[in-house]
Amino acid sequence: MVVAYIFTTHGWLVIVHGIVLGGLFIAALAATFAALFSFRQDLLTGEGCVRRIRTLKLLGGASLVAGWAAVLLGTFVIDPYFHGGNDPPAHVLESFSGTIRWVTWAMPAKENLAWMSVLLTSAAVVALFSRPQLLLARGWARRLVLAFLGLALLFAGLAGLLGAGLAKVGPIV
């Protein structure tokens, strides 16, 4: 018995949004956090500092591009489909008492967490691009950017878990 999956255009957009862009965002964000965590003056030489700054900018830029692409695609393409149209998935989830919380609580929480994550990442990456040497010279600045990246990573992970839950519960009902 062969099982065939038929993906619509919207299905492919959801895959790109969640798996490709969301996965790339979380991976690049975690790598940026790890690279900045080890970015300490007592561990780096002059040449190592230059290479590490270049790496931080590349990773930070990748996380920023992937994060904004995922959030904007989700906000302006995925979400209108989820809530609008003739028979939107939100109506299906609302019609069962066991899944109504996915629409009333999980989806808004996922959207807000994703936006907070990408905004925190933007603030951190602006600091990485504007004055990376300040992060090395001032421990408080590095810790503040690490806190922003850590919160962004936490929020992105929670948004991803809620998104995966929505993707799993939707087809079941």
C-alpha atoms as a PDB file:
ATOM      1  CA  MET A   1       0.000   0.000   0.000  1.00  0.00           C
ATOM      2  CA  VAL A   2       1.432   3.342  -1.079  1.00  0.00           C
ATOM      3  CA  VAL A   3       0.496   6.460   0.831  1.00  0.00           C
ATOM      4  CA  ALA A   4       0.662   9.631  -1.203  1.00  0.00           C
ATOM      5  CA  TYR A   5       0.774  13.057   0.340  1.00  0.00           C
ATOM      6  CA  ILE A   6      -0.609  15.939  -1.631  1.00  0.00           C
ATOM      7  CA  PHE A   7       0.812  19.301  -0.709  1.00  0.00           C
ATOM      8  CA  THR A   8      -0.992  22.444  -1.677  1.00  0.00           C
ATOM      9  CA  THR A   9       0.755  25.756  -2.187  1.00  0.00           C
ATOM     10  CA  HIS A  10      -0.312  26.711   1.303  1.00  0.00           C
ATOM     11  CA  GLY A  11       1.096  23.437   2.643  1.00  0.00           C
ATOM     12  CA  TRP A  12       4.478  24.181   1.108  1.00  0.00           C
ATOM     13  CA  LEU A  13       4.407  27.710   2.516  1.00  0.00           C
ATOM     14  CA  VAL A  14       3.739  26.307   5.990  1.00  0.00           C
ATOM     15  CA  ILE A  15       6.706  23.934   5.578  1.00  0.00           C
ATOM     16  CA  VAL A  16       8.960  26.800   4.459  1.00  0.00           C
ATOM     17  CA  HIS A  17       7.677  28.993   7.311  1.00  0.00           C
ATOM     18  CA  GLY A  18       8.036  26.486  10.115  1.00  0.00           C
ATOM     19  CA  ILE A  19      10.682  23.961   9.188  1.00  0.00           C
ATOM     20  CA  VAL A  20      12.995  25.842   6.837  1.00  0.00           C
ATOM     21  CA  LEU A  21      12.904  29.437   8.082  1.00  0.00           C
ATOM     22  CA  GLY A  22      11.954  28.693  11.687  1.00  0.00           C
ATOM     23  CA  GLY A  23      14.552  25.930  11.954  1.00  0.00           C
ATOM     24  CA  LEU A  24      17.246  28.101  10.377  1.00  0.00           C
ATOM     25  CA  PHE A  25      16.320  30.965  12.724  1.00  0.00           C
ATOM     26  CA  ILE A  26      16.596  28.834  15.858  1.00  0.00           C
ATOM     27  CA  ALA A  27      19.836  27.170  14.701  1.00  0.00           C
ATOM     28  CA  ALA A  28      21.492  30.474  13.736  1.00  0.00           C
ATOM     29  CA  LEU A  29      20.249  32.100  16.936  1.00  0.00           C
ATOM     30  CA  ALA A  30      21.682  29.282  19.077  1.00  0.00           C
ATOM     31  CA  ALA A  31      24.996  29.478  17.187  1.00  0.00           C
ATOM     32  CA  THR A  32      25.108  33.271  17.666  1.00  0.00           C
ATOM     33  CA  PHE A  33      24.455  32.817  21.387  1.00  0.00           C
ATOM     34  CA  ALA A  34      27.214  30.196  21.686  1.00  0.00           C
ATOM     35  CA  ALA A  35      29.707  32.288  19.705  1.00  0.00           C
ATOM     36  CA  LEU A  36      29.001  35.379  21.802  1.00  0.00           C
ATOM     37  CA  PHE A  37      29.140  33.365  25.029  1.00  0.00           C
ATOM     38  CA  SER A  38      32.756  32.392  24.256  1.00  0.00           C
ATOM     39  CA  PHE A  39      33.609  35.917  23.061  1.00  0.00           C
ATOM     40  CA  ARG A  40      35.747  36.921  26.042  1.00  0.00           C
ATOM     41  CA  GLN A  41      38.838  39.076  26.131  1.00  0.00           C
ATOM     42  CA  ASP A  42      40.889  36.554  28.098  1.00  0.00           C
ATOM     43  CA  LEU A  43      40.191  33.849  25.491  1.00  0.00           C
ATOM     44  CA  LEU A  44      40.921  35.774  22.270  1.00  0.00           C
ATOM     45  CA  THR A  45      44.000  37.072  20.510  1.00  0.00           C
ATOM     46  CA  GLY A  46      43.857  40.104  18.222  1.00  0.00           C
ATOM     47  CA  GLU A  47      43.478  37.979  15.090  1.00  0.00           C
ATOM     48  CA  GLY A  48      41.014  35.639  16.819  1.00  0.00           C
ATOM     49  CA  CYS A  49      38.922  38.635  17.840  1.00  0.00           C
ATOM     50  CA  VAL A  50      38.644  39.831  14.244  1.00  0.00           C
ATOM     51  CA  ARG A  51      37.597  36.357  13.060  1.00  0.00           C
ATOM     52  CA  ARG A  52      35.103  35.973  15.895  1.00  0.00           C
ATOM     53  CA  ILE A  53      33.518  39.356  15.125  1.00  0.00           C
ATOM     54  CA  ARG A  54      33.136  38.315  11.482  1.00  0.00           C
ATOM     55  CA  THR A  55      31.536  35.031  12.576  1.00  0.00           C
ATOM     56  CA  LEU A  56      29.194  36.821  14.980  1.00  0.00           C
ATOM     57  CA  LYS A  57      28.067  39.208  12.260  1.00  0.00           C
ATOM     58  CA  LEU A  58      27.467  36.356   9.795  1.00  0.00           C
ATOM     59  CA  LEU A  59      25.512  34.255  12.297  1.00  0.00           C
ATOM     60  CA  GLY A  60      23.601  37.258  13.631  1.00  0.00           C
ATOM     61  CA  GLY A  61      22.712  38.378  10.119  1.00  0.00           C
ATOM     62  CA  ALA A  62      21.541  34.872   9.185  1.00  0.00           C
ATOM     63  CA  SER A  63      19.349  34.646  12.283  1.00  0.00           C
ATOM     64  CA  LEU A  64      17.933  38.086  11.620  1.00  0.00           C
ATOM     65  CA  VAL A  65      17.050  37.381   7.976  1.00  0.00           C
ATOM     66  CA  ALA A  66      15.554  33.948   8.729  1.00  0.00           C
ATOM     67  CA  GLY A  67      13.637  35.254  11.754  1.00  0.00           C
ATOM     68  CA  TRP A  68      12.078  38.210   9.964  1.00  0.00           C
ATOM     69  CA  ALA A  69      11.256  36.068   6.927  1.00  0.00           C
ATOM     70  CA  ALA A  70       9.528  33.468   9.126  1.00  0.00           C
ATOM     71  CA  VAL A  71       7.572  36.049  11.133  1.00  0.00           C
ATOM     72  CA  LEU A  72       6.479  38.086   8.120  1.00  0.00           C
ATOM     73  CA  LEU A  73       5.476  34.974   6.147  1.00  0.00           C
ATOM     74  CA  GLY A  74       3.547  33.720   9.165  1.00  0.00           C
ATOM     75  CA  THR A  75       1.839  37.045   9.817  1.00  0.00           C
ATOM     76  CA  PHE A  76       0.867  37.999   6.294  1.00  0.00           C
ATOM     77  CA  VAL A  77       0.393  34.625   4.551  1.00  0.00           C
ATOM     78  CA  ILE A  78      -0.101  31.757   7.016  1.00  0.00           C
ATOM     79  CA  ASP A  79      -2.256  33.534   9.625  1.00  0.00           C
ATOM     80  CA  PRO A  80      -4.825  35.013   7.183  1.00  0.00           C
ATOM     81  CA  TYR A  81      -5.296  31.523   5.716  1.00  0.00           C
ATOM     82  CA  PHE A  82      -5.610  29.999   9.220  1.00  0.00           C
ATOM     83  CA  HIS A  83      -8.360  32.445  10.250  1.00  0.00           C
ATOM     84  CA  GLY A  84      -9.974  33.417   6.932  1.00  0.00           C
ATOM     85  CA  GLY A  85     -11.426  31.922   3.783  1.00  0.00           C
ATOM     86  CA  ASN A  86     -14.464  29.693   3.286  1.00  0.00           C
ATOM     87  CA  ASP A  87     -13.500  26.845   5.642  1.00  0.00           C
ATOM     88  CA  PRO A  88     -10.431  27.941   7.608  1.00  0.00           C
ATOM     89  CA  PRO A  89      -8.524  25.515   9.847  1.00  0.00           C
ATOM     90  CA  ALA A  90      -9.374  27.712  12.852  1.00  0.00           C
ATOM     91  CA  HIS A  91     -13.090  26.916  12.441  1.00  0.00           C
ATOM     92  CA  VAL A  92     -12.347  23.189  12.425  1.00  0.00           C
ATOM     93  CA  LEU A  93     -10.344  23.473  15.643  1.00  0.00           C
ATOM     94  CA  GLU A  94     -13.033  25.682  17.242  1.00  0.00           C
ATOM     95  CA  SER A  95     -15.751  23.128  16.495  1.00  0.00           C
ATOM     96  CA  PHE A  96     -14.309  20.580  18.944  1.00  0.00           C
ATOM     97  CA  SER A  97     -14.236  21.307  22.668  1.00  0.00           C
ATOM     98  CA  GLY A  98     -10.875  19.545  23.086  1.00  0.00           C
ATOM     99  CA  THR A  99      -9.090  21.682  20.523  1.00  0.00           C
ATOM    100  CA  ILE A 100     -10.645  25.114  20.994  1.00  0.00           C
ATOM    101  CA  ARG A 101      -7.717  26.238  23.180  1.00  0.00           C
ATOM    102  CA  TRP A 102      -5.399  25.815  20.208  1.00  0.00           C
ATOM    103  CA  VAL A 103      -7.234  28.691  18.519  1.00  0.00           C
ATOM    104  CA  THR A 104      -8.079  30.837  21.542  1.00  0.00           C
ATOM    105  CA  TRP A 105      -4.780  30.528  23.407  1.00  0.00           C
ATOM    106  CA  ALA A 106      -2.015  28.694  21.513  1.00  0.00           C
ATOM    107  CA  MET A 107      -2.155  30.550  18.193  1.00  0.00           C
ATOM    108  CA  PRO A 108      -2.123  34.081  19.710  1.00  0.00           C
ATOM    109  CA  ALA A 109       0.621  33.027  22.141  1.00  0.00           C
ATOM    110  CA  LYS A 110       2.674  31.596  19.247  1.00  0.00           C
ATOM    111  CA  GLU A 111       2.283  34.788  17.232  1.00  0.00           C
ATOM    112  CA  ASN A 112       3.283  37.049  20.136  1.00  0.00           C
ATOM    113  CA  LEU A 113       6.241  34.882  21.142  1.00  0.00           C
ATOM    114  CA  ALA A 114       7.519  34.869  17.557  1.00  0.00           C
ATOM    115  CA  TRP A 115       7.335  38.660  17.292  1.00  0.00           C
ATOM    116  CA  MET A 116       9.043  39.138  20.673  1.00  0.00           C
ATOM    117  CA  SER A 117      11.767  36.707  19.643  1.00  0.00           C
ATOM    118  CA  VAL A 118      12.559  38.450  16.381  1.00  0.00           C
ATOM    119  CA  LEU A 119      12.471  41.912  18.012  1.00  0.00           C
ATOM    120  CA  LEU A 120      14.891  40.800  20.749  1.00  0.00           C
ATOM    121  CA  THR A 121      17.133  39.260  18.086  1.00  0.00           C
ATOM    122  CA  SER A 122      17.041  42.515  16.119  1.00  0.00           C
ATOM    123  CA  ALA A 123      18.153  44.498  19.167  1.00  0.00           C
ATOM    124  CA  ALA A 124      20.983  42.053  19.842  1.00  0.00           C
ATOM    125  CA  VAL A 125      22.174  41.987  16.226  1.00  0.00           C
ATOM    126  CA  VAL A 126      22.159  45.788  16.032  1.00  0.00           C
ATOM    127  CA  ALA A 127      24.534  45.747  19.009  1.00  0.00           C
ATOM    128  CA  LEU A 128      26.705  43.127  17.293  1.00  0.00           C
ATOM    129  CA  PHE A 129      26.909  45.154  14.087  1.00  0.00           C
ATOM    130  CA  SER A 130      27.306  48.612  15.575  1.00  0.00           C
ATOM    131  CA  ARG A 131      30.043  48.174  18.169  1.00  0.00           C
ATOM    132  CA  PRO A 132      31.284  44.591  18.562  1.00  0.00           C
ATOM    133  CA  GLN A 133      34.451  45.798  20.332  1.00  0.00           C
ATOM    134  CA  LEU A 134      32.233  47.307  23.047  1.00  0.00           C
ATOM    135  CA  LEU A 135      30.990  43.787  23.817  1.00  0.00           C
ATOM    136  CA  LEU A 136      34.574  42.706  24.459  1.00  0.00           C
ATOM    137  CA  ALA A 137      35.565  45.746  26.483  1.00  0.00           C
ATOM    138  CA  ARG A 138      32.393  46.009  28.570  1.00  0.00           C
ATOM    139  CA  GLY A 139      31.216  42.867  30.301  1.00  0.00           C
ATOM    140  CA  TRP A 140      27.791  44.327  31.072  1.00  0.00           C
ATOM    141  CA  ALA A 141      27.125  45.011  27.373  1.00  0.00           C
ATOM    142  CA  ARG A 142      28.019  41.431  26.436  1.00  0.00           C
ATOM    143  CA  ARG A 143      25.816  40.060  29.214  1.00  0.00           C
ATOM    144  CA  LEU A 144      22.914  42.271  28.127  1.00  0.00           C
ATOM    145  CA  VAL A 145      23.165  41.088  24.508  1.00  0.00           C
ATOM    146  CA  LEU A 146      23.473  37.484  25.759  1.00  0.00           C
ATOM    147  CA  ALA A 147      20.306  37.994  27.833  1.00  0.00           C
ATOM    148  CA  PHE A 148      18.461  39.328  24.756  1.00  0.00           C
ATOM    149  CA  LEU A 149      19.651  36.386  22.650  1.00  0.00           C
ATOM    150  CA  GLY A 150      18.792  33.907  25.402  1.00  0.00           C
ATOM    151  CA  LEU A 151      15.258  35.276  25.748  1.00  0.00           C
ATOM    152  CA  ALA A 152      14.873  35.328  21.961  1.00  0.00           C
ATOM    153  CA  LEU A 153      15.960  31.691  21.820  1.00  0.00           C
ATOM    154  CA  LEU A 154      13.519  30.722  24.575  1.00  0.00           C
ATOM    155  CA  PHE A 155      10.626  32.565  22.905  1.00  0.00           C
ATOM    156  CA  ALA A 156      11.462  31.120  19.475  1.00  0.00           C
ATOM    157  CA  GLY A 157      11.591  27.609  20.915  1.00  0.00           C
ATOM    158  CA  LEU A 158       8.212  28.036  22.612  1.00  0.00           C
ATOM    159  CA  ALA A 159       6.698  29.482  19.428  1.00  0.00           C
ATOM    160  CA  GLY A 160       8.102  26.543  17.476  1.00  0.00           C
ATOM    161  CA  LEU A 161       6.620  24.040  19.944  1.00  0.00           C
ATOM    162  CA  LEU A 162       3.217  25.700  19.734  1.00  0.00           C
ATOM    163  CA  GLY A 163       3.447  25.777  15.932  1.00  0.00           C
ATOM    164  CA  ALA A 164       4.329  22.080  15.825  1.00  0.00           C
ATOM    165  CA  GLY A 165       1.401  21.380  18.140  1.00  0.00           C
ATOM    166  CA  LEU A 166      -0.952  23.304  15.876  1.00  0.00           C
ATOM    167  CA  ALA A 167       0.348  21.392  12.851  1.00  0.00           C
ATOM    168  CA  LYS A 168      -0.211  18.071  14.624  1.00  0.00           C
ATOM    169  CA  VAL A 169      -3.628  18.800  16.148  1.00  0.00           C
ATOM    170  CA  GLY A 170      -5.116  20.413  13.030  1.00  0.00           C
ATOM    171  CA  PRO A 171      -5.058  17.321  10.808  1.00  0.00           C
ATOM    172  CA  ILE A 172      -6.303  15.044  13.629  1.00  0.00           C
ATOM    173  CA  VAL A 173      -9.638  16.814  13.976  1.00  0.00           C
END
